[in-house]
All heavy atoms as atom14 arrays in JSON, in Angstrom:
{
  "sequence": "SVHRDLDELHAELHALTYTVRRSAQRLGCDVCGGGRHLSNDWRKQ",
  "atom14_mask": [
    [1, 1, 1, 1, 1, 1, 0, 0, 0, 0, 0, 0, 0, 0],
    [1, 1, 1, 1, 1, 1, 1, 0, 0, 0, 0, 0, 0, 0],
    [1, 1, 1, 1, 1, 1, 1, 1, 1, 1, 0, 0, 0, 0],
    [1, 1, 1, 1, 1, 1, 1, 1, 1, 1, 1, 0, 0, 0],
    [1, 1, 1, 1, 1, 1, 1, 1, 0, 0, 0, 0, 0, 0],
    [1, 1, 1, 1, 1, 1, 1, 1, 0, 0, 0, 0, 0, 0],
    [1, 1, 1, 1, 1, 1, 1, 1, 0, 0, 0, 0, 0, 0],
    [1, 1, 1, 1, 1, 1, 1, 1, 1, 0, 0, 0, 0, 0],
    [1, 1, 1, 1, 1, 1, 1, 1, 0, 0, 0, 0, 0, 0],
    [1, 1, 1, 1, 1, 1, 1, 1, 1, 1, 0, 0, 0, 0],
    [1, 1, 1, 1, 1, 0, 0, 0, 0, 0, 0, 0, 0, 0],
    [1, 1, 1, 1, 1, 1, 1, 1, 1, 0, 0, 0, 0, 0],
    [1, 1, 1, 1, 1, 1, 1, 1, 0, 0, 0, 0, 0, 0],
    [1, 1, 1, 1, 1, 1, 1, 1, 1, 1, 0, 0, 0, 0],
    [1, 1, 1, 1, 1, 0, 0, 0, 0, 0, 0, 0, 0, 0],
    [1, 1, 1, 1, 1, 1, 1, 1, 0, 0, 0, 0, 0, 0],
    [1, 1, 1, 1, 1, 1, 1, 0, 0, 0, 0, 0, 0, 0],
    [1, 1, 1, 1, 1, 1, 1, 1, 1, 1, 1, 1, 0, 0],
    [1, 1, 1, 1, 1, 1, 1, 0, 0, 0, 0, 0, 0, 0],
    [1, 1, 1, 1, 1, 1, 1, 0, 0, 0, 0, 0, 0, 0],
    [1, 1, 1, 1, 1, 1, 1, 1, 1, 1, 1, 0, 0, 0],
    [1, 1, 1, 1, 1, 1, 1, 1, 1, 1, 1, 0, 0, 0],
    [1, 1, 1, 1, 1, 1, 0, 0, 0, 0, 0, 0, 0, 0],
    [1, 1, 1, 1, 1, 0, 0, 0, 0, 0, 0, 0, 0, 0],
    [1, 1, 1, 1, 1, 1, 1, 1, 1, 0, 0, 0, 0, 0],
    [1, 1, 1, 1, 1, 1, 1, 1, 1, 1, 1, 0, 0, 0],
    [1, 1, 1, 1, 1, 1, 1, 1, 0, 0, 0, 0, 0, 0],
    [1, 1, 1, 1, 0, 0, 0, 0, 0, 0, 0, 0, 0, 0],
    [1, 1, 1, 1, 1, 1, 0, 0, 0, 0, 0, 0, 0, 0],
    [1, 1, 1, 1, 1, 1, 1, 1, 0, 0, 0, 0, 0, 0],
    [1, 1, 1, 1, 1, 1, 1, 0, 0, 0, 0, 0, 0, 0],
    [1, 1, 1, 1, 1, 1, 0, 0, 0, 0, 0, 0, 0, 0],
    [1, 1, 1, 1, 0, 0, 0, 0, 0, 0, 0, 0, 0, 0],
    [1, 1, 1, 1, 0, 0, 0, 0, 0, 0, 0, 0, 0, 0],
    [1, 1, 1, 1, 0, 0, 0, 0, 0, 0, 0, 0, 0, 0],
    [1, 1, 1, 1, 1, 1, 1, 1, 1, 1, 1, 0, 0, 0],
    [1, 1, 1, 1, 1, 1, 1, 1, 1, 1, 0, 0, 0, 0],
    [1, 1, 1, 1, 1, 1, 1, 1, 0, 0, 0, 0, 0, 0],
    [1, 1, 1, 1, 1, 1, 0, 0, 0, 0, 0, 0, 0, 0],
    [1, 1, 1, 1, 1, 1, 1, 1, 0, 0, 0, 0, 0, 0],
    [1, 1, 1, 1, 1, 1, 1, 1, 0, 0, 0, 0, 0, 0],
    [1, 1, 1, 1, 1, 1, 1, 1, 1, 1, 1, 1, 1, 1],
    [1, 1, 1, 1, 1, 1, 1, 1, 1, 1, 1, 0, 0, 0],
    [1, 1, 1, 1, 1, 1, 1, 1, 1, 0, 0, 0, 0, 0],
    [1, 1, 1, 1, 1, 1, 1, 1, 1, 0, 0, 0, 0, 0]
  ],
  "atom14_positions": [
    [[95.28, 124.55, 114.8], [94.97, 125.69, 115.75], [93.8, 125.36, 116.65], [93.14, 124.25, 116.43], [94.74, 126.96, 114.94], [95.78, 127.13, 114.03], [0.0, 0.0, 0.0], [0.0, 0.0, 0.0], [0.0, 0.0, 0.0], [0.0, 0.0, 0.0], [0.0, 0.0, 0.0], [0.0, 0.0, 0.0], [0.0, 0.0, 0.0], [0.0, 0.0, 0.0]],
    [[93.42, 126.32, 117.59], [92.31, 126.08, 118.38], [91.1, 126.55, 117.62], [91.1, 127.65, 117.02], [92.45, 126.81, 119.69], [91.22, 126.68, 120.57], [93.66, 126.35, 120.44], [0.0, 0.0, 0.0], [0.0, 0.0, 0.0], [0.0, 0.0, 0.0], [0.0, 0.0, 0.0], [0.0, 0.0, 0.0], [0.0, 0.0, 0.0], [0.0, 0.0, 0.0]],
    [[90.03, 125.79, 117.6], [88.75, 126.1, 116.94], [87.56, 126.0, 117.7], [87.57, 125.23, 118.76], [88.7, 125.25, 115.65], [89.71, 125.52, 114.56], [89.61, 126.54, 113.65], [90.86, 124.9, 114.36], [90.65, 126.51, 112.92], [91.42, 125.5, 113.31], [0.0, 0.0, 0.0], [0.0, 0.0, 0.0], [0.0, 0.0, 0.0], [0.0, 0.0, 0.0]],
    [[86.51, 126.53, 117.29], [85.16, 126.32, 117.87], [84.23, 125.61, 116.7], [83.35, 124.92, 117.08], [84.49, 127.68, 118.12], [84.99, 128.37, 119.32], [84.71, 127.64, 120.7], [83.3, 127.44, 120.9], [82.75, 126.72, 121.9], [83.63, 126.18, 122.81], [81.54, 126.55, 122.06], [0.0, 0.0, 0.0], [0.0, 0.0, 0.0], [0.0, 0.0, 0.0]],
    [[84.56, 125.82, 115.44], [83.79, 125.47, 114.42], [84.47, 124.24, 113.63], [85.63, 124.27, 113.32], [83.58, 126.63, 113.35], [82.71, 126.22, 112.14], [81.54, 126.33, 112.33], [83.27, 125.85, 111.19], [0.0, 0.0, 0.0], [0.0, 0.0, 0.0], [0.0, 0.0, 0.0], [0.0, 0.0, 0.0], [0.0, 0.0, 0.0], [0.0, 0.0, 0.0]],
    [[83.71, 123.12, 113.39], [84.36, 122.04, 112.74], [84.69, 122.25, 111.29], [85.78, 121.78, 110.9], [83.31, 120.81, 112.79], [83.17, 120.03, 114.06], [82.13, 118.89, 113.97], [84.45, 119.4, 114.51], [0.0, 0.0, 0.0], [0.0, 0.0, 0.0], [0.0, 0.0, 0.0], [0.0, 0.0, 0.0], [0.0, 0.0, 0.0], [0.0, 0.0, 0.0]],
    [[83.86, 123.07, 110.54], [84.26, 123.36, 109.2], [85.56, 124.13, 109.11], [86.29, 123.86, 108.23], [83.1, 124.23, 108.53], [81.83, 123.24, 108.28], [81.97, 122.09, 108.28], [80.77, 123.92, 108.08], [0.0, 0.0, 0.0], [0.0, 0.0, 0.0], [0.0, 0.0, 0.0], [0.0, 0.0, 0.0], [0.0, 0.0, 0.0], [0.0, 0.0, 0.0]],
    [[85.74, 125.03, 110.03], [86.99, 125.77, 110.06], [88.17, 124.88, 110.34], [89.3, 125.03, 109.84], [86.91, 126.92, 111.02], [85.94, 128.03, 110.68], [85.87, 129.13, 111.59], [86.53, 129.02, 112.68], [85.13, 130.03, 111.4], [0.0, 0.0, 0.0], [0.0, 0.0, 0.0], [0.0, 0.0, 0.0], [0.0, 0.0, 0.0], [0.0, 0.0, 0.0]],
    [[88.04, 123.86, 111.32], [89.01, 122.92, 111.56], [89.37, 122.1, 110.41], [90.51, 121.9, 110.06], [88.57, 122.07, 112.7], [89.47, 120.9, 113.03], [90.9, 121.38, 113.61], [88.88, 119.87, 114.09], [0.0, 0.0, 0.0], [0.0, 0.0, 0.0], [0.0, 0.0, 0.0], [0.0, 0.0, 0.0], [0.0, 0.0, 0.0], [0.0, 0.0, 0.0]],
    [[88.26, 121.69, 109.66], [88.47, 120.91, 108.41], [89.23, 121.65, 107.44], [90.27, 121.16, 106.79], [87.18, 120.39, 107.91], [87.37, 119.32, 106.87], [86.29, 118.97, 106.07], [88.36, 118.66, 106.41], [86.72, 118.08, 105.27], [87.98, 117.84, 105.39], [0.0, 0.0, 0.0], [0.0, 0.0, 0.0], [0.0, 0.0, 0.0], [0.0, 0.0, 0.0]],
    [[88.84, 122.94, 107.28], [89.56, 123.75, 106.21], [91.04, 123.96, 106.51], [91.78, 123.91, 105.59], [88.78, 125.08, 106.2], [0.0, 0.0, 0.0], [0.0, 0.0, 0.0], [0.0, 0.0, 0.0], [0.0, 0.0, 0.0], [0.0, 0.0, 0.0], [0.0, 0.0, 0.0], [0.0, 0.0, 0.0], [0.0, 0.0, 0.0], [0.0, 0.0, 0.0]],
    [[91.32, 124.17, 107.72], [92.72, 124.26, 108.16], [93.51, 123.05, 107.88], [94.62, 123.07, 107.29], [92.9, 124.72, 109.56], [94.35, 124.98, 109.96], [94.62, 125.0, 111.47], [93.77, 124.45, 112.22], [95.58, 125.66, 111.9], [0.0, 0.0, 0.0], [0.0, 0.0, 0.0], [0.0, 0.0, 0.0], [0.0, 0.0, 0.0], [0.0, 0.0, 0.0]],
    [[92.95, 121.95, 108.26], [93.72, 120.61, 108.13], [93.88, 120.32, 106.65], [94.87, 119.78, 106.21], [92.96, 119.5, 108.86], [93.09, 119.57, 110.35], [92.12, 118.5, 110.96], [94.44, 119.31, 110.9], [0.0, 0.0, 0.0], [0.0, 0.0, 0.0], [0.0, 0.0, 0.0], [0.0, 0.0, 0.0], [0.0, 0.0, 0.0], [0.0, 0.0, 0.0]],
    [[92.79, 120.59, 105.89], [92.83, 120.26, 104.41], [93.99, 121.17, 103.68], [94.86, 120.62, 103.05], [91.46, 120.59, 103.76], [91.37, 120.08, 102.4], [92.0, 120.69, 101.33], [90.64, 119.0, 101.86], [91.67, 120.1, 100.24], [90.91, 119.09, 100.52], [0.0, 0.0, 0.0], [0.0, 0.0, 0.0], [0.0, 0.0, 0.0], [0.0, 0.0, 0.0]],
    [[93.95, 122.38, 104.09], [95.08, 123.27, 103.44], [96.43, 122.88, 103.95], [97.36, 122.85, 103.08], [94.76, 124.67, 103.85], [0.0, 0.0, 0.0], [0.0, 0.0, 0.0], [0.0, 0.0, 0.0], [0.0, 0.0, 0.0], [0.0, 0.0, 0.0], [0.0, 0.0, 0.0], [0.0, 0.0, 0.0], [0.0, 0.0, 0.0], [0.0, 0.0, 0.0]],
    [[96.59, 122.51, 105.2], [97.86, 122.08, 105.71], [98.35, 120.82, 105.16], [99.52, 120.68, 104.68], [97.66, 121.9, 107.33], [99.02, 121.81, 108.13], [99.8, 123.16, 107.9], [98.64, 121.76, 109.65], [0.0, 0.0, 0.0], [0.0, 0.0, 0.0], [0.0, 0.0, 0.0], [0.0, 0.0, 0.0], [0.0, 0.0, 0.0], [0.0, 0.0, 0.0]],
    [[97.41, 119.89, 105.02], [97.8, 118.57, 104.4], [98.09, 118.69, 102.95], [99.06, 117.97, 102.47], [96.65, 117.5, 104.65], [96.41, 117.38, 105.95], [97.05, 116.18, 104.06], [0.0, 0.0, 0.0], [0.0, 0.0, 0.0], [0.0, 0.0, 0.0], [0.0, 0.0, 0.0], [0.0, 0.0, 0.0], [0.0, 0.0, 0.0], [0.0, 0.0, 0.0]],
    [[97.49, 119.52, 102.24], [97.72, 119.82, 100.84], [99.08, 120.25, 100.66], [99.85, 119.83, 99.88], [96.64, 120.68, 100.29], [96.98, 120.99, 98.81], [96.54, 120.18, 97.82], [97.5, 122.19, 98.45], [96.73, 120.5, 96.45], [97.76, 122.54, 97.14], [97.34, 121.63, 96.08], [97.52, 121.98, 94.8], [0.0, 0.0, 0.0], [0.0, 0.0, 0.0]],
    [[99.47, 121.25, 101.51], [100.85, 121.77, 101.53], [101.94, 120.69, 101.81], [102.94, 120.62, 101.15], [100.99, 122.96, 102.53], [100.03, 123.93, 102.12], [102.33, 123.6, 102.44], [0.0, 0.0, 0.0], [0.0, 0.0, 0.0], [0.0, 0.0, 0.0], [0.0, 0.0, 0.0], [0.0, 0.0, 0.0], [0.0, 0.0, 0.0], [0.0, 0.0, 0.0]],
    [[101.67, 119.95, 102.92], [102.58, 118.89, 103.28], [102.71, 117.83, 102.12], [103.86, 117.44, 101.83], [102.1, 118.16, 104.46], [102.95, 116.95, 104.81], [102.19, 119.13, 105.7], [0.0, 0.0, 0.0], [0.0, 0.0, 0.0], [0.0, 0.0, 0.0], [0.0, 0.0, 0.0], [0.0, 0.0, 0.0], [0.0, 0.0, 0.0], [0.0, 0.0, 0.0]],
    [[101.59, 117.5, 101.57], [101.67, 116.5, 100.43], [102.45, 116.97, 99.28], [103.2, 116.32, 98.65], [100.22, 116.06, 100.08], [100.21, 114.8, 99.18], [98.86, 114.29, 98.87], [99.04, 113.16, 98.03], [98.12, 112.6, 97.2], [97.0, 113.38, 96.93], [98.33, 111.59, 96.56], [0.0, 0.0, 0.0], [0.0, 0.0, 0.0], [0.0, 0.0, 0.0]],
    [[102.16, 118.17, 98.9], [102.96, 118.9, 97.74], [104.48, 118.93, 98.04], [105.26, 118.57, 97.19], [102.43, 120.12, 97.42], [101.02, 120.14, 96.65], [100.72, 121.54, 95.99], [101.74, 121.9, 95.04], [101.67, 123.06, 94.41], [100.81, 123.99, 94.72], [102.51, 123.24, 93.43], [0.0, 0.0, 0.0], [0.0, 0.0, 0.0], [0.0, 0.0, 0.0]],
    [[104.79, 119.22, 99.34], [106.21, 119.28, 99.64], [106.82, 117.94, 99.61], [107.93, 117.69, 99.18], [106.31, 119.89, 101.09], [105.89, 121.27, 101.1], [0.0, 0.0, 0.0], [0.0, 0.0, 0.0], [0.0, 0.0, 0.0], [0.0, 0.0, 0.0], [0.0, 0.0, 0.0], [0.0, 0.0, 0.0], [0.0, 0.0, 0.0], [0.0, 0.0, 0.0]],
    [[106.04, 116.92, 100.1], [106.57, 115.58, 100.09], [106.76, 115.03, 98.64], [107.81, 114.36, 98.39], [105.58, 114.57, 100.93], [0.0, 0.0, 0.0], [0.0, 0.0, 0.0], [0.0, 0.0, 0.0], [0.0, 0.0, 0.0], [0.0, 0.0, 0.0], [0.0, 0.0, 0.0], [0.0, 0.0, 0.0], [0.0, 0.0, 0.0], [0.0, 0.0, 0.0]],
    [[105.79, 115.32, 97.81], [105.84, 114.92, 96.38], [106.98, 115.46, 95.69], [107.67, 114.75, 94.91], [104.51, 115.17, 95.79], [103.48, 114.25, 96.18], [102.06, 114.77, 95.63], [101.92, 115.82, 95.18], [101.04, 113.69, 95.56], [0.0, 0.0, 0.0], [0.0, 0.0, 0.0], [0.0, 0.0, 0.0], [0.0, 0.0, 0.0], [0.0, 0.0, 0.0]],
    [[107.4, 116.68, 96.01], [108.53, 117.27, 95.36], [109.83, 116.54, 95.86], [110.95, 116.64, 95.18], [108.67, 118.77, 95.69], [107.7, 119.53, 94.86], [107.97, 121.11, 94.93], [107.68, 121.55, 96.28], [106.57, 122.24, 96.58], [105.54, 122.25, 95.75], [106.4, 122.7, 97.84], [0.0, 0.0, 0.0], [0.0, 0.0, 0.0], [0.0, 0.0, 0.0]],
    [[109.8, 115.81, 97.0], [111.02, 115.08, 97.6], [110.89, 113.66, 97.26], [111.53, 112.83, 97.83], [111.07, 115.36, 99.1], [111.42, 116.88, 99.38], [111.18, 117.14, 100.9], [112.84, 117.17, 99.05], [0.0, 0.0, 0.0], [0.0, 0.0, 0.0], [0.0, 0.0, 0.0], [0.0, 0.0, 0.0], [0.0, 0.0, 0.0], [0.0, 0.0, 0.0]],
    [[109.98, 113.23, 96.34], [109.82, 111.8, 95.94], [108.98, 110.92, 96.98], [109.21, 109.72, 97.04], [0.0, 0.0, 0.0], [0.0, 0.0, 0.0], [0.0, 0.0, 0.0], [0.0, 0.0, 0.0], [0.0, 0.0, 0.0], [0.0, 0.0, 0.0], [0.0, 0.0, 0.0], [0.0, 0.0, 0.0], [0.0, 0.0, 0.0], [0.0, 0.0, 0.0]],
    [[108.13, 111.69, 97.74], [107.39, 110.98, 98.91], [105.9, 111.25, 98.6], [105.5, 112.04, 97.77], [107.83, 111.47, 100.21], [109.62, 111.27, 100.48], [0.0, 0.0, 0.0], [0.0, 0.0, 0.0], [0.0, 0.0, 0.0], [0.0, 0.0, 0.0], [0.0, 0.0, 0.0], [0.0, 0.0, 0.0], [0.0, 0.0, 0.0], [0.0, 0.0, 0.0]],
    [[105.11, 110.74, 99.69], [103.76, 111.08, 99.77], [103.33, 110.78, 101.22], [104.14, 110.33, 102.02], [102.9, 110.25, 98.77], [101.67, 111.03, 98.33], [101.3, 111.95, 99.02], [101.14, 110.76, 97.15], [0.0, 0.0, 0.0], [0.0, 0.0, 0.0], [0.0, 0.0, 0.0], [0.0, 0.0, 0.0], [0.0, 0.0, 0.0], [0.0, 0.0, 0.0]],
    [[102.11, 111.21, 101.56], [101.63, 111.02, 102.89], [100.23, 110.36, 102.77], [99.48, 110.48, 101.86], [101.59, 112.31, 103.67], [102.93, 112.8, 103.95], [100.75, 113.33, 102.98], [0.0, 0.0, 0.0], [0.0, 0.0, 0.0], [0.0, 0.0, 0.0], [0.0, 0.0, 0.0], [0.0, 0.0, 0.0], [0.0, 0.0, 0.0], [0.0, 0.0, 0.0]],
    [[100.05, 109.49, 103.87], [98.68, 108.81, 103.99], [98.29, 108.61, 105.46], [99.18, 108.83, 106.35], [98.69, 107.48, 103.26], [99.73, 106.22, 103.99], [0.0, 0.0, 0.0], [0.0, 0.0, 0.0], [0.0, 0.0, 0.0], [0.0, 0.0, 0.0], [0.0, 0.0, 0.0], [0.0, 0.0, 0.0], [0.0, 0.0, 0.0], [0.0, 0.0, 0.0]],
    [[97.0, 108.32, 105.62], [96.54, 107.98, 106.94], [96.72, 106.53, 107.3], [97.49, 105.87, 106.53], [0.0, 0.0, 0.0], [0.0, 0.0, 0.0], [0.0, 0.0, 0.0], [0.0, 0.0, 0.0], [0.0, 0.0, 0.0], [0.0, 0.0, 0.0], [0.0, 0.0, 0.0], [0.0, 0.0, 0.0], [0.0, 0.0, 0.0], [0.0, 0.0, 0.0]],
    [[96.04, 106.13, 108.26], [96.23, 104.67, 108.71], [97.02, 104.62, 110.01], [97.92, 105.31, 110.13], [0.0, 0.0, 0.0], [0.0, 0.0, 0.0], [0.0, 0.0, 0.0], [0.0, 0.0, 0.0], [0.0, 0.0, 0.0], [0.0, 0.0, 0.0], [0.0, 0.0, 0.0], [0.0, 0.0, 0.0], [0.0, 0.0, 0.0], [0.0, 0.0, 0.0]],
    [[96.6, 103.64, 110.8], [97.25, 103.49, 112.23], [98.58, 102.72, 112.14], [99.36, 102.9, 113.02], [0.0, 0.0, 0.0], [0.0, 0.0, 0.0], [0.0, 0.0, 0.0], [0.0, 0.0, 0.0], [0.0, 0.0, 0.0], [0.0, 0.0, 0.0], [0.0, 0.0, 0.0], [0.0, 0.0, 0.0], [0.0, 0.0, 0.0], [0.0, 0.0, 0.0]],
    [[98.78, 102.08, 111.02], [100.08, 101.33, 110.97], [100.35, 101.13, 109.48], [99.45, 100.83, 108.62], [99.9, 99.94, 111.5], [101.22, 99.36, 112.13], [100.91, 98.19, 113.02], [101.89, 97.87, 113.98], [101.7, 97.09, 115.11], [100.58, 96.71, 115.35], [102.81, 97.06, 115.79], [0.0, 0.0, 0.0], [0.0, 0.0, 0.0], [0.0, 0.0, 0.0]],
    [[101.68, 101.19, 109.05], [102.05, 100.85, 107.69], [101.67, 99.31, 107.51], [101.9, 98.53, 108.4], [103.49, 101.06, 107.44], [103.87, 100.99, 106.03], [104.27, 99.9, 105.5], [103.93, 101.86, 105.03], [104.69, 100.0, 104.25], [104.39, 101.29, 103.89], [0.0, 0.0, 0.0], [0.0, 0.0, 0.0], [0.0, 0.0, 0.0], [0.0, 0.0, 0.0]],
    [[101.29, 98.9, 106.29], [100.95, 97.6, 105.98], [102.07, 96.55, 106.2], [101.78, 95.49, 106.45], [100.33, 97.43, 104.57], [99.06, 98.42, 104.29], [98.53, 98.1, 102.98], [98.06, 98.32, 105.44], [0.0, 0.0, 0.0], [0.0, 0.0, 0.0], [0.0, 0.0, 0.0], [0.0, 0.0, 0.0], [0.0, 0.0, 0.0], [0.0, 0.0, 0.0]],
    [[103.34, 96.97, 105.95], [104.43, 96.02, 105.93], [105.68, 96.68, 106.65], [106.8, 96.09, 106.34], [104.75, 95.48, 104.54], [105.12, 96.56, 103.74], [0.0, 0.0, 0.0], [0.0, 0.0, 0.0], [0.0, 0.0, 0.0], [0.0, 0.0, 0.0], [0.0, 0.0, 0.0], [0.0, 0.0, 0.0], [0.0, 0.0, 0.0], [0.0, 0.0, 0.0]],
    [[105.51, 97.63, 107.37], [106.69, 98.31, 107.95], [107.55, 97.21, 108.73], [107.02, 96.53, 109.55], [106.21, 99.35, 109.04], [107.14, 99.83, 109.98], [108.33, 100.1, 109.65], [106.74, 99.67, 111.2], [0.0, 0.0, 0.0], [0.0, 0.0, 0.0], [0.0, 0.0, 0.0], [0.0, 0.0, 0.0], [0.0, 0.0, 0.0], [0.0, 0.0, 0.0]],
    [[108.84, 97.37, 108.42], [109.91, 96.6, 109.23], [110.51, 97.54, 110.27], [111.14, 98.4, 110.04], [110.99, 96.12, 108.28], [112.01, 95.19, 108.98], [112.11, 95.2, 110.3], [112.73, 94.46, 108.28], [0.0, 0.0, 0.0], [0.0, 0.0, 0.0], [0.0, 0.0, 0.0], [0.0, 0.0, 0.0], [0.0, 0.0, 0.0], [0.0, 0.0, 0.0]],
    [[110.11, 97.2, 111.54], [110.48, 98.11, 112.65], [112.06, 98.31, 112.68], [112.52, 99.35, 113.11], [110.03, 97.6, 113.95], [110.64, 96.28, 114.41], [110.26, 95.02, 114.17], [111.87, 96.16, 115.27], [111.03, 94.05, 114.63], [112.11, 94.76, 115.36], [112.73, 97.07, 115.76], [113.21, 94.24, 116.12], [113.86, 96.53, 116.51], [114.03, 95.16, 116.66]],
    [[112.88, 97.33, 112.23], [114.33, 97.38, 112.34], [114.85, 98.55, 111.39], [115.91, 99.02, 111.69], [114.86, 96.08, 111.92], [114.6, 94.99, 112.95], [115.06, 93.64, 112.39], [114.2, 93.22, 111.18], [114.31, 92.13, 110.51], [115.28, 91.25, 111.0], [113.55, 91.86, 109.42], [0.0, 0.0, 0.0], [0.0, 0.0, 0.0], [0.0, 0.0, 0.0]],
    [[114.13, 98.89, 110.39], [114.53, 99.93, 109.48], [114.25, 101.39, 109.86], [114.65, 102.24, 109.19], [113.92, 99.72, 108.11], [114.4, 98.35, 107.54], [113.78, 98.05, 106.09], [114.24, 96.76, 105.52], [113.55, 96.62, 104.16], [0.0, 0.0, 0.0], [0.0, 0.0, 0.0], [0.0, 0.0, 0.0], [0.0, 0.0, 0.0], [0.0, 0.0, 0.0]],
    [[113.45, 101.49, 111.0], [113.07, 102.93, 111.45], [114.24, 103.61, 111.97], [115.19, 103.11, 112.59], [111.93, 102.77, 112.39], [110.7, 102.13, 111.82], [110.32, 102.68, 110.38], [110.12, 103.94, 110.3], [110.26, 101.96, 109.41], [0.0, 0.0, 0.0], [0.0, 0.0, 0.0], [0.0, 0.0, 0.0], [0.0, 0.0, 0.0], [0.0, 0.0, 0.0]]
  ]
}
């Protein structure tokens, strides 16, 4: 969302990511940061 306060931005992103991660884990997945997957094969995308 739009914010003025960094702590509020962090709190929103933390809660959102926690929800996304739990949803992904229930589907046999997980999420992570990083600008590129370490061994992604582009042909499989």
